[in-house]
Amino acid sequence: MPAHNNAFRRLLRFNAITGVMADSDVAPAARYDFDKIIVLSDERGTPDNMIPTQANIMKQLELLIPSNPGANFFFAYSGHSDQRPDESGEEEDGLEEYIIPCDAMDRSGKVVEDLIITDKVGLFPSL
């Protein structure tokens, strides 16, 4: 069943967030002369390959992450997220933040660990 189907979201107890699409207004980003702007959305009518599933987000990040030193990129996310205890000890506040793609909830409403995305996915350069 498509991830953008509202009945499916209700079944998974995954509440819709209002106003998210307004956050994706690309006009401000355009003034910074980015070469490529990609918007993933779960709005009705979105092609399956552009719905913000874990696989689609990871695919787009892999395409956007700069492969040459000194290159810049900007990643913005409007959607579900959460925190959990940081077991690596890298986080100052002891909490690791993660985003929850639209396909990362099981039928009981629990987050599927293998489908969340953190900054430790190995794609982001060290800051």
PDB file of N, CA and C in Angstrom:
ATOM      1  N   MET A   1       0.844  -1.175   0.000  1.00  0.00           N
ATOM      2  CA  MET A   1       0.000   0.000   0.000  1.00  0.00           C
ATOM      3  C   MET A   1       0.890   1.240   0.000  1.00  0.00           C
ATOM      4  N   PRO A   2       0.587   2.264  -0.789  1.00  0.00           N
ATOM      5  CA  PRO A   2       1.436   3.448  -0.880  1.00  0.00           C
ATOM      6  C   PRO A   2       1.617   4.136   0.468  1.00  0.00           C
ATOM      7  N   ALA A   3       2.812   4.656   0.693  1.00  0.00           N
ATOM      8  CA  ALA A   3       3.122   5.323   1.961  1.00  0.00           C
ATOM      9  C   ALA A   3       2.315   6.597   2.144  1.00  0.00           C
ATOM     10  N   HIS A   4       1.810   7.185   1.061  1.00  0.00           N
ATOM     11  CA  HIS A   4       1.095   8.441   1.188  1.00  0.00           C
ATOM     12  C   HIS A   4      -0.404   8.247   1.404  1.00  0.00           C
ATOM     13  N   ASN A   5      -0.852   7.039   1.615  1.00  0.00           N
ATOM     14  CA  ASN A   5      -2.261   6.756   1.839  1.00  0.00           C
ATOM     15  C   ASN A   5      -2.610   7.062   3.297  1.00  0.00           C
ATOM     16  N   ASN A   6      -3.524   8.029   3.530  1.00  0.00           N
ATOM     17  CA  ASN A   6      -3.863   8.457   4.890  1.00  0.00           C
ATOM     18  C   ASN A   6      -4.455   7.339   5.728  1.00  0.00           C
ATOM     19  N   ALA A   7      -5.236   6.442   5.135  1.00  0.00           N
ATOM     20  CA  ALA A   7      -5.811   5.328   5.895  1.00  0.00           C
ATOM     21  C   ALA A   7      -4.700   4.423   6.413  1.00  0.00           C
ATOM     22  N   PHE A   8      -3.671   4.232   5.614  1.00  0.00           N
ATOM     23  CA  PHE A   8      -2.533   3.413   6.028  1.00  0.00           C
ATOM     24  C   PHE A   8      -1.812   4.069   7.198  1.00  0.00           C
ATOM     25  N   ARG A   9      -1.660   5.393   7.137  1.00  0.00           N
ATOM     26  CA  ARG A   9      -1.024   6.120   8.238  1.00  0.00           C
ATOM     27  C   ARG A   9      -1.803   5.942   9.532  1.00  0.00           C
ATOM     28  N   ARG A  10      -3.135   6.048   9.440  1.00  0.00           N
ATOM     29  CA  ARG A  10      -3.957   5.897  10.646  1.00  0.00           C
ATOM     30  C   ARG A  10      -3.819   4.489  11.207  1.00  0.00           C
ATOM     31  N   LEU A  11      -3.770   3.497  10.334  1.00  0.00           N
ATOM     32  CA  LEU A  11      -3.613   2.118  10.769  1.00  0.00           C
ATOM     33  C   LEU A  11      -2.308   1.949  11.549  1.00  0.00           C
ATOM     34  N   LEU A  12      -1.274   2.619  11.113  1.00  0.00           N
ATOM     35  CA  LEU A  12       0.024   2.525  11.777  1.00  0.00           C
ATOM     36  C   LEU A  12       0.162   3.488  12.958  1.00  0.00           C
ATOM     37  N   ARG A  13      -0.864   4.270  13.220  1.00  0.00           N
ATOM     38  CA  ARG A  13      -0.820   5.289  14.278  1.00  0.00           C
ATOM     39  C   ARG A  13       0.290   6.303  14.019  1.00  0.00           C
ATOM     40  N   PHE A  14       0.474   6.622  12.782  1.00  0.00           N
ATOM     41  CA  PHE A  14       1.505   7.566  12.361  1.00  0.00           C
ATOM     42  C   PHE A  14       0.781   8.840  11.961  1.00  0.00           C
ATOM     43  N   ASN A  15       0.693   9.790  12.857  1.00  0.00           N
ATOM     44  CA  ASN A  15      -0.092  10.994  12.636  1.00  0.00           C
ATOM     45  C   ASN A  15       0.528  11.888  11.572  1.00  0.00           C
ATOM     46  N   ALA A  16      -0.339  12.447  10.744  1.00  0.00           N
ATOM     47  CA  ALA A  16       0.120  13.389   9.733  1.00  0.00           C
ATOM     48  C   ALA A  16       0.564  14.674  10.425  1.00  0.00           C
ATOM     49  N   ILE A  17       1.575  15.298   9.897  1.00  0.00           N
ATOM     50  CA  ILE A  17       2.050  16.575  10.410  1.00  0.00           C
ATOM     51  C   ILE A  17       1.594  17.640   9.429  1.00  0.00           C
ATOM     52  N   THR A  18       0.870  18.635   9.924  1.00  0.00           N
ATOM     53  CA  THR A  18       0.382  19.686   9.036  1.00  0.00           C
ATOM     54  C   THR A  18       1.462  20.747   8.830  1.00  0.00           C
ATOM     55  N   GLY A  19       1.456  21.359   7.670  1.00  0.00           N
ATOM     56  CA  GLY A  19       2.378  22.445   7.375  1.00  0.00           C
ATOM     57  C   GLY A  19       3.745  22.025   6.885  1.00  0.00           C
ATOM     58  N   VAL A  20       3.973  20.738   6.755  1.00  0.00           N
ATOM     59  CA  VAL A  20       5.297  20.261   6.349  1.00  0.00           C
ATOM     60  C   VAL A  20       5.643  20.738   4.944  1.00  0.00           C
ATOM     61  N   MET A  21       4.692  20.706   4.049  1.00  0.00           N
ATOM     62  CA  MET A  21       4.990  21.107   2.677  1.00  0.00           C
ATOM     63  C   MET A  21       5.362  22.582   2.597  1.00  0.00           C
ATOM     64  N   ALA A  22       4.812  23.409   3.481  1.00  0.00           N
ATOM     65  CA  ALA A  22       5.215  24.817   3.501  1.00  0.00           C
ATOM     66  C   ALA A  22       6.687  24.941   3.870  1.00  0.00           C
ATOM     67  N   ASP A  23       7.170  24.031   4.710  1.00  0.00           N
ATOM     68  CA  ASP A  23       8.586  24.037   5.089  1.00  0.00           C
ATOM     69  C   ASP A  23       9.493  23.730   3.908  1.00  0.00           C
ATOM     70  N   SER A  24       8.960  23.074   2.911  1.00  0.00           N
ATOM     71  CA  SER A  24       9.803  22.670   1.783  1.00  0.00           C
ATOM     72  C   SER A  24       9.831  23.706   0.667  1.00  0.00           C
ATOM     73  N   ASP A  25       9.335  24.901   0.932  1.00  0.00           N
ATOM     74  CA  ASP A  25       9.381  25.965  -0.070  1.00  0.00           C
ATOM     75  C   ASP A  25      10.834  26.182  -0.485  1.00  0.00           C
ATOM     76  N   VAL A  26      11.128  25.925  -1.733  1.00  0.00           N
ATOM     77  CA  VAL A  26      12.516  25.976  -2.193  1.00  0.00           C
ATOM     78  C   VAL A  26      12.966  27.371  -2.607  1.00  0.00           C
ATOM     79  N   ALA A  27      12.084  28.351  -2.584  1.00  0.00           N
ATOM     80  CA  ALA A  27      12.465  29.698  -3.010  1.00  0.00           C
ATOM     81  C   ALA A  27      13.644  30.256  -2.219  1.00  0.00           C
ATOM     82  N   PRO A  28      13.655  30.167  -0.871  1.00  0.00           N
ATOM     83  CA  PRO A  28      14.827  30.688  -0.144  1.00  0.00           C
ATOM     84  C   PRO A  28      16.118  29.960  -0.513  1.00  0.00           C
ATOM     85  N   ALA A  29      16.054  28.665  -0.742  1.00  0.00           N
ATOM     86  CA  ALA A  29      17.254  27.904  -1.098  1.00  0.00           C
ATOM     87  C   ALA A  29      17.788  28.330  -2.458  1.00  0.00           C
ATOM     88  N   ALA A  30      16.899  28.740  -3.348  1.00  0.00           N
ATOM     89  CA  ALA A  30      17.309  29.111  -4.700  1.00  0.00           C
ATOM     90  C   ALA A  30      18.259  30.305  -4.694  1.00  0.00           C
ATOM     91  N   ARG A  31      18.133  31.196  -3.716  1.00  0.00           N
ATOM     92  CA  ARG A  31      19.002  32.375  -3.695  1.00  0.00           C
ATOM     93  C   ARG A  31      20.454  32.021  -3.363  1.00  0.00           C
ATOM     94  N   TYR A  32      20.701  30.828  -2.874  1.00  0.00           N
ATOM     95  CA  TYR A  32      22.064  30.406  -2.569  1.00  0.00           C
ATOM     96  C   TYR A  32      22.718  29.690  -3.737  1.00  0.00           C
ATOM     97  N   ASP A  33      22.042  29.645  -4.859  1.00  0.00           N
ATOM     98  CA  ASP A  33      22.594  29.100  -6.092  1.00  0.00           C
ATOM     99  C   ASP A  33      23.019  27.638  -5.966  1.00  0.00           C
ATOM    100  N   PHE A  34      22.166  26.837  -5.341  1.00  0.00           N
ATOM    101  CA  PHE A  34      22.427  25.404  -5.287  1.00  0.00           C
ATOM    102  C   PHE A  34      22.235  24.812  -6.672  1.00  0.00           C
ATOM    103  N   ASP A  35      23.068  23.851  -7.020  1.00  0.00           N
ATOM    104  CA  ASP A  35      22.960  23.198  -8.321  1.00  0.00           C
ATOM    105  C   ASP A  35      21.740  22.304  -8.411  1.00  0.00           C
ATOM    106  N   LYS A  36      21.389  21.681  -7.305  1.00  0.00           N
ATOM    107  CA  LYS A  36      20.330  20.680  -7.328  1.00  0.00           C
ATOM    108  C   LYS A  36      19.493  20.786  -6.058  1.00  0.00           C
ATOM    109  N   ILE A  37      18.179  20.835  -6.223  1.00  0.00           N
ATOM    110  CA  ILE A  37      17.256  20.835  -5.089  1.00  0.00           C
ATOM    111  C   ILE A  37      16.293  19.681  -5.301  1.00  0.00           C
ATOM    112  N   ILE A  38      16.213  18.796  -4.320  1.00  0.00           N
ATOM    113  CA  ILE A  38      15.337  17.630  -4.409  1.00  0.00           C
ATOM    114  C   ILE A  38      14.363  17.678  -3.246  1.00  0.00           C
ATOM    115  N   VAL A  39      13.083  17.529  -3.533  1.00  0.00           N
ATOM    116  CA  VAL A  39      12.059  17.524  -2.490  1.00  0.00           C
ATOM    117  C   VAL A  39      11.353  16.177  -2.522  1.00  0.00           C
ATOM    118  N   LEU A  40      11.424  15.445  -1.416  1.00  0.00           N
ATOM    119  CA  LEU A  40      10.663  14.212  -1.258  1.00  0.00           C
ATOM    120  C   LEU A  40       9.394  14.570  -0.504  1.00  0.00           C
ATOM    121  N   SER A  41       8.290  13.942  -0.851  1.00  0.00           N
ATOM    122  CA  SER A  41       7.010  14.295  -0.248  1.00  0.00           C
ATOM    123  C   SER A  41       6.095  13.082  -0.187  1.00  0.00           C
ATOM    124  N   ASP A  42       5.228  13.069   0.826  1.00  0.00           N
ATOM    125  CA  ASP A  42       4.220  12.010   0.871  1.00  0.00           C
ATOM    126  C   ASP A  42       2.847  12.551   0.487  1.00  0.00           C
ATOM    127  N   GLU A  43       2.833  13.689  -0.205  1.00  0.00           N
ATOM    128  CA  GLU A  43       1.576  14.244  -0.693  1.00  0.00           C
ATOM    129  C   GLU A  43       0.987  13.315  -1.755  1.00  0.00           C
ATOM    130  N   ARG A  44      -0.323  13.268  -1.808  1.00  0.00           N
ATOM    131  CA  ARG A  44      -1.016  12.444  -2.798  1.00  0.00           C
ATOM    132  C   ARG A  44      -0.529  12.800  -4.203  1.00  0.00           C
ATOM    133  N   GLY A  45      -0.277  11.789  -4.997  1.00  0.00           N
ATOM    134  CA  GLY A  45       0.171  11.985  -6.370  1.00  0.00           C
ATOM    135  C   GLY A  45       1.683  11.986  -6.544  1.00  0.00           C
ATOM    136  N   THR A  46       2.423  11.901  -5.440  1.00  0.00           N
ATOM    137  CA  THR A  46       3.882  11.863  -5.519  1.00  0.00           C
ATOM    138  C   THR A  46       4.323  10.511  -6.084  1.00  0.00           C
ATOM    139  N   PRO A  47       5.226  10.501  -7.059  1.00  0.00           N
ATOM    140  CA  PRO A  47       5.728   9.215  -7.574  1.00  0.00           C
ATOM    141  C   PRO A  47       6.380   8.408  -6.448  1.00  0.00           C
ATOM    142  N   ASP A  48       6.253   7.097  -6.512  1.00  0.00           N
ATOM    143  CA  ASP A  48       6.773   6.226  -5.451  1.00  0.00           C
ATOM    144  C   ASP A  48       8.250   6.466  -5.148  1.00  0.00           C
ATOM    145  N   ASN A  49       9.041   6.788  -6.157  1.00  0.00           N
ATOM    146  CA  ASN A  49      10.478   6.981  -5.919  1.00  0.00           C
ATOM    147  C   ASN A  49      10.803   8.324  -5.260  1.00  0.00           C
ATOM    148  N   MET A  50       9.794   9.179  -5.047  1.00  0.00           N
ATOM    149  CA  MET A  50      10.011  10.470  -4.398  1.00  0.00           C
ATOM    150  C   MET A  50       9.275  10.583  -3.061  1.00  0.00           C
ATOM    151  N   ILE A  51       8.722   9.471  -2.571  1.00  0.00           N
ATOM    152  CA  ILE A  51       8.101   9.431  -1.248  1.00  0.00           C
ATOM    153  C   ILE A  51       9.230   9.263  -0.229  1.00  0.00           C
ATOM    154  N   PRO A  52       9.186   9.959   0.925  1.00  0.00           N
ATOM    155  CA  PRO A  52      10.303   9.913   1.875  1.00  0.00           C
ATOM    156  C   PRO A  52      10.394   8.630   2.696  1.00  0.00           C
ATOM    157  N   THR A  53      10.596   7.523   2.005  1.00  0.00           N
ATOM    158  CA  THR A  53      10.862   6.248   2.677  1.00  0.00           C
ATOM    159  C   THR A  53      12.343   6.209   3.038  1.00  0.00           C
ATOM    160  N   GLN A  54      12.717   5.260   3.864  1.00  0.00           N
ATOM    161  CA  GLN A  54      14.122   5.135   4.248  1.00  0.00           C
ATOM    162  C   GLN A  54      14.999   4.929   3.016  1.00  0.00           C
ATOM    163  N   ALA A  55      14.586   4.049   2.136  1.00  0.00           N
ATOM    164  CA  ALA A  55      15.383   3.759   0.937  1.00  0.00           C
ATOM    165  C   ALA A  55      15.503   4.984   0.033  1.00  0.00           C
ATOM    166  N   ASN A  56      14.402   5.708  -0.171  1.00  0.00           N
ATOM    167  CA  ASN A  56      14.443   6.886  -1.041  1.00  0.00           C
ATOM    168  C   ASN A  56      15.286   8.008  -0.438  1.00  0.00           C
ATOM    169  N   ILE A  57      15.169   8.231   0.870  1.00  0.00           N
ATOM    170  CA  ILE A  57      15.984   9.265   1.520  1.00  0.00           C
ATOM    171  C   ILE A  57      17.459   8.913   1.390  1.00  0.00           C
ATOM    172  N   MET A  58      17.805   7.672   1.685  1.00  0.00           N
ATOM    173  CA  MET A  58      19.208   7.257   1.603  1.00  0.00           C
ATOM    174  C   MET A  58      19.733   7.374   0.169  1.00  0.00           C
ATOM    175  N   LYS A  59      18.914   7.004  -0.798  1.00  0.00           N
ATOM    176  CA  LYS A  59      19.342   7.101  -2.197  1.00  0.00           C
ATOM    177  C   LYS A  59      19.637   8.553  -2.567  1.00  0.00           C
ATOM    178  N   GLN A  60      18.745   9.466  -2.183  1.00  0.00           N
ATOM    179  CA  GLN A  60      18.946  10.874  -2.520  1.00  0.00           C
ATOM    180  C   GLN A  60      20.146  11.460  -1.773  1.00  0.00           C
ATOM    181  N   LEU A  61      20.340  11.063  -0.503  1.00  0.00           N
ATOM    182  CA  LEU A  61      21.515  11.536   0.237  1.00  0.00           C
ATOM    183  C   LEU A  61      22.800  11.066  -0.430  1.00  0.00           C
ATOM    184  N   GLU A  62      22.816   9.823  -0.871  1.00  0.00           N
ATOM    185  CA  GLU A  62      24.008   9.301  -1.538  1.00  0.00           C
ATOM    186  C   GLU A  62      24.321  10.083  -2.808  1.00  0.00           C
ATOM    187  N   LEU A  63      23.270  10.559  -3.490  1.00  0.00           N
ATOM    188  CA  LEU A  63      23.470  11.345  -4.704  1.00  0.00           C
ATOM    189  C   LEU A  63      23.938  12.766  -4.393  1.00  0.00           C
ATOM    190  N   LEU A  64      23.525  13.301  -3.241  1.00  0.00           N
ATOM    191  CA  LEU A  64      23.818  14.696  -2.920  1.00  0.00           C
ATOM    192  C   LEU A  64      25.079  14.925  -2.102  1.00  0.00           C
ATOM    193  N   ILE A  65      25.468  13.951  -1.308  1.00  0.00           N
ATOM    194  CA  ILE A  65      26.625  14.154  -0.440  1.00  0.00           C
ATOM    195  C   ILE A  65      27.841  14.453  -1.312  1.00  0.00           C
ATOM    196  N   PRO A  66      28.519  15.543  -1.023  1.00  0.00           N
ATOM    197  CA  PRO A  66      29.661  15.908  -1.875  1.00  0.00           C
ATOM    198  C   PRO A  66      30.784  14.879  -1.792  1.00  0.00           C
ATOM    199  N   SER A  67      31.325  14.579  -2.938  1.00  0.00           N
ATOM    200  CA  SER A  67      32.418  13.607  -2.981  1.00  0.00           C
ATOM    201  C   SER A  67      33.774  14.303  -3.056  1.00  0.00           C
ATOM    202  N   ASN A  68      33.748  15.634  -3.181  1.00  0.00           N
ATOM    203  CA  ASN A  68      35.014  16.362  -3.241  1.00  0.00           C
ATOM    204  C   ASN A  68      35.136  17.305  -2.039  1.00  0.00           C
ATOM    205  N   PRO A  69      36.329  17.411  -1.477  1.00  0.00           N
ATOM    206  CA  PRO A  69      36.540  18.283  -0.318  1.00  0.00           C
ATOM    207  C   PRO A  69      36.178  19.730  -0.639  1.00  0.00           C
ATOM    208  N   GLY A  70      35.573  20.392   0.317  1.00  0.00           N
ATOM    209  CA  GLY A  70      35.228  21.796   0.144  1.00  0.00           C
ATOM    210  C   GLY A  70      33.856  22.036  -0.452  1.00  0.00           C
ATOM    211  N   ALA A  71      33.209  21.000  -0.952  1.00  0.00           N
ATOM    212  CA  ALA A  71      31.870  21.172  -1.518  1.00  0.00           C
ATOM    213  C   ALA A  71      30.866  21.353  -0.380  1.00  0.00           C
ATOM    214  N   ASN A  72      29.793  22.056  -0.656  1.00  0.00           N
ATOM    215  CA  ASN A  72      28.756  22.302   0.339  1.00  0.00           C
ATOM    216  C   ASN A  72      27.463  21.626  -0.059  1.00  0.00           C
ATOM    217  N   PHE A  73      26.700  21.236   0.950  1.00  0.00           N
ATOM    218  CA  PHE A  73      25.352  20.749   0.718  1.00  0.00           C
ATOM    219  C   PHE A  73      24.513  21.144   1.913  1.00  0.00           C
ATOM    220  N   PHE A  74      23.204  21.150   1.706  1.00  0.00           N
ATOM    221  CA  PHE A  74      22.260  21.524   2.748  1.00  0.00           C
ATOM    222  C   PHE A  74      21.176  20.463   2.783  1.00  0.00           C
ATOM    223  N   PHE A  75      20.894  19.932   3.956  1.00  0.00           N
ATOM    224  CA  PHE A  75      19.853  18.921   4.127  1.00  0.00           C
ATOM    225  C   PHE A  75      18.838  19.469   5.114  1.00  0.00           C
ATOM    226  N   ALA A  76      17.586  19.545   4.702  1.00  0.00           N
ATOM    227  CA  ALA A  76      16.504  19.983   5.592  1.00  0.00           C
ATOM    228  C   ALA A  76      15.484  18.865   5.657  1.00  0.00           C
ATOM    229  N   TYR A  77      14.926  18.664   6.830  1.00  0.00           N
ATOM    230  CA  TYR A  77      13.947  17.593   7.023  1.00  0.00           C
ATOM    231  C   TYR A  77      12.783  18.134   7.833  1.00  0.00           C
ATOM    232  N   SER A  78      11.577  17.938   7.336  1.00  0.00           N
ATOM    233  CA  SER A  78      10.356  18.283   8.063  1.00  0.00           C
ATOM    234  C   SER A  78       9.538  17.016   8.170  1.00  0.00           C
ATOM    235  N   GLY A  79       9.443  16.475   9.354  1.00  0.00           N
ATOM    236  CA  GLY A  79       8.714  15.230   9.553  1.00  0.00           C
ATOM    237  C   GLY A  79       8.949  14.710  10.955  1.00  0.00           C
ATOM    238  N   HIS A  80       8.601  13.459  11.173  1.00  0.00           N
ATOM    239  CA  HIS A  80       8.747  12.855  12.495  1.00  0.00           C
ATOM    240  C   HIS A  80      10.218  12.612  12.818  1.00  0.00           C
ATOM    241  N   SER A  81      10.564  12.842  14.079  1.00  0.00           N
ATOM    242  CA  SER A  81      11.916  12.584  14.574  1.00  0.00           C
ATOM    243  C   SER A  81      11.828  12.274  16.064  1.00  0.00           C
ATOM    244  N   ASP A  82      12.932  11.860  16.643  1.00  0.00           N
ATOM    245  CA  ASP A  82      12.939  11.537  18.072  1.00  0.00           C
ATOM    246  C   ASP A  82      14.379  11.533  18.563  1.00  0.00           C
ATOM    247  N   GLN A  83      14.541  11.251  19.842  1.00  0.00           N
ATOM    248  CA  GLN A  83      15.854  11.120  20.454  1.00  0.00           C
ATOM    249  C   GLN A  83      15.908   9.807  21.208  1.00  0.00           C
ATOM    250  N   ARG A  84      17.125   9.304  21.406  1.00  0.00           N
ATOM    251  CA  ARG A  84      17.340   8.103  22.206  1.00  0.00           C
ATOM    252  C   ARG A  84      18.703   8.242  22.885  1.00  0.00           C
ATOM    253  N   PRO A  85      18.939   7.467  23.925  1.00  0.00           N
ATOM    254  CA  PRO A  85      20.249   7.546  24.577  1.00  0.00           C
ATOM    255  C   PRO A  85      21.369   7.254  23.577  1.00  0.00           C
ATOM    256  N   ASP A  86      22.420   8.072  23.643  1.00  0.00           N
ATOM    257  CA  ASP A  86      23.568   7.902  22.760  1.00  0.00           C
ATOM    258  C   ASP A  86      24.549   6.940  23.400  1.00  0.00           C
ATOM    259  N   GLU A  87      24.671   5.777  22.821  1.00  0.00           N
ATOM    260  CA  GLU A  87      25.557   4.754  23.379  1.00  0.00           C
ATOM    261  C   GLU A  87      27.018   4.964  22.989  1.00  0.00           C
ATOM    262  N   SER A  88      27.269   5.822  22.003  1.00  0.00           N
ATOM    263  CA  SER A  88      28.649   6.035  21.546  1.00  0.00           C
ATOM    264  C   SER A  88      29.397   7.048  22.407  1.00  0.00           C
ATOM    265  N   GLY A  89      28.661   7.873  23.140  1.00  0.00           N
ATOM    266  CA  GLY A  89      29.289   8.908  23.953  1.00  0.00           C
ATOM    267  C   GLY A  89      29.697  10.141  23.176  1.00  0.00           C
ATOM    268  N   GLU A  90      29.280  10.244  21.905  1.00  0.00           N
ATOM    269  CA  GLU A  90      29.660  11.378  21.064  1.00  0.00           C
ATOM    270  C   GLU A  90      28.794  12.617  21.282  1.00  0.00           C
ATOM    271  N   GLU A  91      27.571  12.431  21.751  1.00  0.00           N
ATOM    272  CA  GLU A  91      26.641  13.554  21.888  1.00  0.00           C
ATOM    273  C   GLU A  91      26.841  14.259  23.228  1.00  0.00           C
ATOM    274  N   GLU A  92      26.965  15.597  23.195  1.00  0.00           N
ATOM    275  CA  GLU A  92      27.174  16.365  24.422  1.00  0.00           C
ATOM    276  C   GLU A  92      26.039  16.182  25.421  1.00  0.00           C
ATOM    277  N   ASP A  93      24.806  16.120  24.908  1.00  0.00           N
ATOM    278  CA  ASP A  93      23.648  15.994  25.803  1.00  0.00           C
ATOM    279  C   ASP A  93      23.296  14.546  26.116  1.00  0.00           C
ATOM    280  N   GLY A  94      24.074  13.606  25.579  1.00  0.00           N
ATOM    281  CA  GLY A  94      23.826  12.191  25.837  1.00  0.00           C
ATOM    282  C   GLY A  94      22.685  11.603  25.028  1.00  0.00           C
ATOM    283  N   LEU A  95      22.136  12.393  24.092  1.00  0.00           N
ATOM    284  CA  LEU A  95      21.017  11.932  23.273  1.00  0.00           C
ATOM    285  C   LEU A  95      21.375  11.992  21.796  1.00  0.00           C
ATOM    286  N   GLU A  96      21.019  10.951  21.086  1.00  0.00           N
ATOM    287  CA  GLU A  96      21.204  10.885  19.639  1.00  0.00           C
ATOM    288  C   GLU A  96      19.866  11.195  18.986  1.00  0.00           C
ATOM    289  N   GLU A  97      19.877  12.108  18.023  1.00  0.00           N
ATOM    290  CA  GLU A  97      18.665  12.449  17.297  1.00  0.00           C
ATOM    291  C   GLU A  97      18.569  11.581  16.046  1.00  0.00           C
ATOM    292  N   TYR A  98      17.329  11.272  15.660  1.00  0.00           N
ATOM    293  CA  TYR A  98      17.136  10.513  14.428  1.00  0.00           C
ATOM    294  C   TYR A  98      15.825  10.905  13.775  1.00  0.00           C
ATOM    295  N   ILE A  99      15.776  10.736  12.453  1.00  0.00           N
ATOM    296  CA  ILE A  99      14.535  10.997  11.729  1.00  0.00           C
ATOM    297  C   ILE A  99      13.823   9.675  11.485  1.00  0.00           C
ATOM    298  N   ILE A 100      12.496   9.783  11.355  1.00  0.00           N
ATOM    299  CA  ILE A 100      11.660   8.599  11.171  1.00  0.00           C
ATOM    300  C   ILE A 100      10.985   8.709   9.803  1.00  0.00           C
ATOM    301  N   PRO A 101      11.511   8.037   8.796  1.00  0.00           N
ATOM    302  CA  PRO A 101      10.888   8.072   7.473  1.00  0.00           C
ATOM    303  C   PRO A 101       9.453   7.548   7.522  1.00  0.00           C
ATOM    304  N   CYS A 102       8.690   7.822   6.480  1.00  0.00           N
ATOM    305  CA  CYS A 102       7.267   7.464   6.500  1.00  0.00           C
ATOM    306  C   CYS A 102       7.022   5.960   6.505  1.00  0.00           C
ATOM    307  N   ASP A 103       8.025   5.146   6.231  1.00  0.00           N
ATOM    308  CA  ASP A 103       7.835   3.693   6.255  1.00  0.00           C
ATOM    309  C   ASP A 103       8.473   3.041   7.480  1.00  0.00           C
ATOM    310  N   ALA A 104       8.837   3.832   8.488  1.00  0.00           N
ATOM    311  CA  ALA A 104       9.588   3.296   9.623  1.00  0.00           C
ATOM    312  C   ALA A 104       8.728   2.978  10.842  1.00  0.00           C
ATOM    313  N   MET A 105       7.458   2.723  10.656  1.00  0.00           N
ATOM    314  CA  MET A 105       6.583   2.335  11.758  1.00  0.00           C
ATOM    315  C   MET A 105       5.973   0.982  11.424  1.00  0.00           C
ATOM    316  N   ASP A 106       5.935   0.089  12.412  1.00  0.00           N
ATOM    317  CA  ASP A 106       5.288  -1.196  12.158  1.00  0.00           C
ATOM    318  C   ASP A 106       3.799  -1.090  12.496  1.00  0.00           C
ATOM    319  N   ARG A 107       3.058  -2.152  12.309  1.00  0.00           N
ATOM    320  CA  ARG A 107       1.605  -2.110  12.508  1.00  0.00           C
ATOM    321  C   ARG A 107       1.195  -1.842  13.948  1.00  0.00           C
ATOM    322  N   SER A 108       2.083  -2.061  14.905  1.00  0.00           N
ATOM    323  CA  SER A 108       1.754  -1.782  16.302  1.00  0.00           C
ATOM    324  C   SER A 108       2.082  -0.341  16.674  1.00  0.00           C
ATOM    325  N   GLY A 109       2.644   0.422  15.738  1.00  0.00           N
ATOM    326  CA  GLY A 109       2.984   1.810  16.006  1.00  0.00           C
ATOM    327  C   GLY A 109       4.385   2.003  16.543  1.00  0.00           C
ATOM    328  N   LYS A 110       5.171   0.954  16.583  1.00  0.00           N
ATOM    329  CA  LYS A 110       6.548   1.049  17.068  1.00  0.00           C
ATOM    330  C   LYS A 110       7.497   1.391  15.913  1.00  0.00           C
ATOM    331  N   VAL A 111       8.530   2.133  16.240  1.00  0.00           N
ATOM    332  CA  VAL A 111       9.533   2.499  15.244  1.00  0.00           C
ATOM    333  C   VAL A 111      10.393   1.281  14.924  1.00  0.00           C
ATOM    334  N   VAL A 112      10.577   1.026  13.646  1.00  0.00           N
ATOM    335  CA  VAL A 112      11.413  -0.085  13.197  1.00  0.00           C
ATOM    336  C   VAL A 112      12.863   0.400  13.183  1.00  0.00           C
ATOM    337  N   GLU A 113      13.669  -0.136  14.075  1.00  0.00           N
ATOM    338  CA  GLU A 113      15.054   0.322  14.275  1.00  0.00           C
ATOM    339  C   GLU A 113      15.853   0.372  12.979  1.00  0.00           C
ATOM    340  N   ASP A 114      15.716  -0.623  12.127  1.00  0.00           N
ATOM    341  CA  ASP A 114      16.508  -0.678  10.900  1.00  0.00           C
ATOM    342  C   ASP A 114      16.122   0.384   9.879  1.00  0.00           C
ATOM    343  N   LEU A 115      15.005   1.082  10.090  1.00  0.00           N
ATOM    344  CA  LEU A 115      14.550   2.052   9.103  1.00  0.00           C
ATOM    345  C   LEU A 115      14.750   3.501   9.527  1.00  0.00           C
ATOM    346  N   ILE A 116      15.235   3.752  10.739  1.00  0.00           N
ATOM    347  CA  ILE A 116      15.490   5.134  11.129  1.00  0.00           C
ATOM    348  C   ILE A 116      16.798   5.603  10.502  1.00  0.00           C
ATOM    349  N   ILE A 117      16.983   6.901  10.463  1.00  0.00           N
ATOM    350  CA  ILE A 117      18.182   7.475   9.859  1.00  0.00           C
ATOM    351  C   ILE A 117      18.822   8.424  10.867  1.00  0.00           C
ATOM    352  N   THR A 118      20.089   8.189  11.184  1.00  0.00           N
ATOM    353  CA  THR A 118      20.835   9.059  12.093  1.00  0.00           C
ATOM    354  C   THR A 118      21.987   9.693  11.330  1.00  0.00           C
ATOM    355  N   ASP A 119      22.717  10.563  12.004  1.00  0.00           N
ATOM    356  CA  ASP A 119      23.883  11.167  11.363  1.00  0.00           C
ATOM    357  C   ASP A 119      25.056  10.200  11.292  1.00  0.00           C
ATOM    358  N   LYS A 120      24.876   9.012  11.784  1.00  0.00           N
ATOM    359  CA  LYS A 120      25.949   8.016  11.783  1.00  0.00           C
ATOM    360  C   LYS A 120      25.803   7.010  10.639  1.00  0.00           C
ATOM    361  N   VAL A 121      25.075   7.375   9.598  1.00  0.00           N
ATOM    362  CA  VAL A 121      24.869   6.450   8.480  1.00  0.00           C
ATOM    363  C   VAL A 121      26.112   6.315   7.607  1.00  0.00           C
ATOM    364  N   GLY A 122      27.139   7.114   7.903  1.00  0.00           N
ATOM    365  CA  GLY A 122      28.382   7.001   7.149  1.00  0.00           C
ATOM    366  C   GLY A 122      28.427   7.842   5.894  1.00  0.00           C
ATOM    367  N   LEU A 123      27.405   8.654   5.662  1.00  0.00           N
ATOM    368  CA  LEU A 123      27.380   9.473   4.457  1.00  0.00           C
ATOM    369  C   LEU A 123      27.872  10.887   4.709  1.00  0.00           C
ATOM    370  N   PHE A 124      27.696  11.359   5.934  1.00  0.00           N
ATOM    371  CA  PHE A 124      28.021  12.745   6.225  1.00  0.00           C
ATOM    372  C   PHE A 124      29.507  12.902   6.536  1.00  0.00           C
ATOM    373  N   PRO A 125      30.140  13.928   5.970  1.00  0.00           N
ATOM    374  CA  PRO A 125      31.547  14.152   6.283  1.00  0.00           C
ATOM    375  C   PRO A 125      31.704  14.615   7.729  1.00  0.00           C
ATOM    376  N   SER A 126      32.858  14.389   8.305  1.00  0.00           N
ATOM    377  CA  SER A 126      33.121  14.849   9.668  1.00  0.00           C
ATOM    378  C   SER A 126      33.140  16.364   9.692  1.00  0.00           C
ATOM    379  N   LEU A 127      32.583  16.922  10.746  1.00  0.00           N
ATOM    380  CA  LEU A 127      32.553  18.385  10.874  1.00  0.00           C
ATOM    381  C   LEU A 127      33.600  18.852  11.849  1.00  0.00           C
TER     382      LEU A 127
END
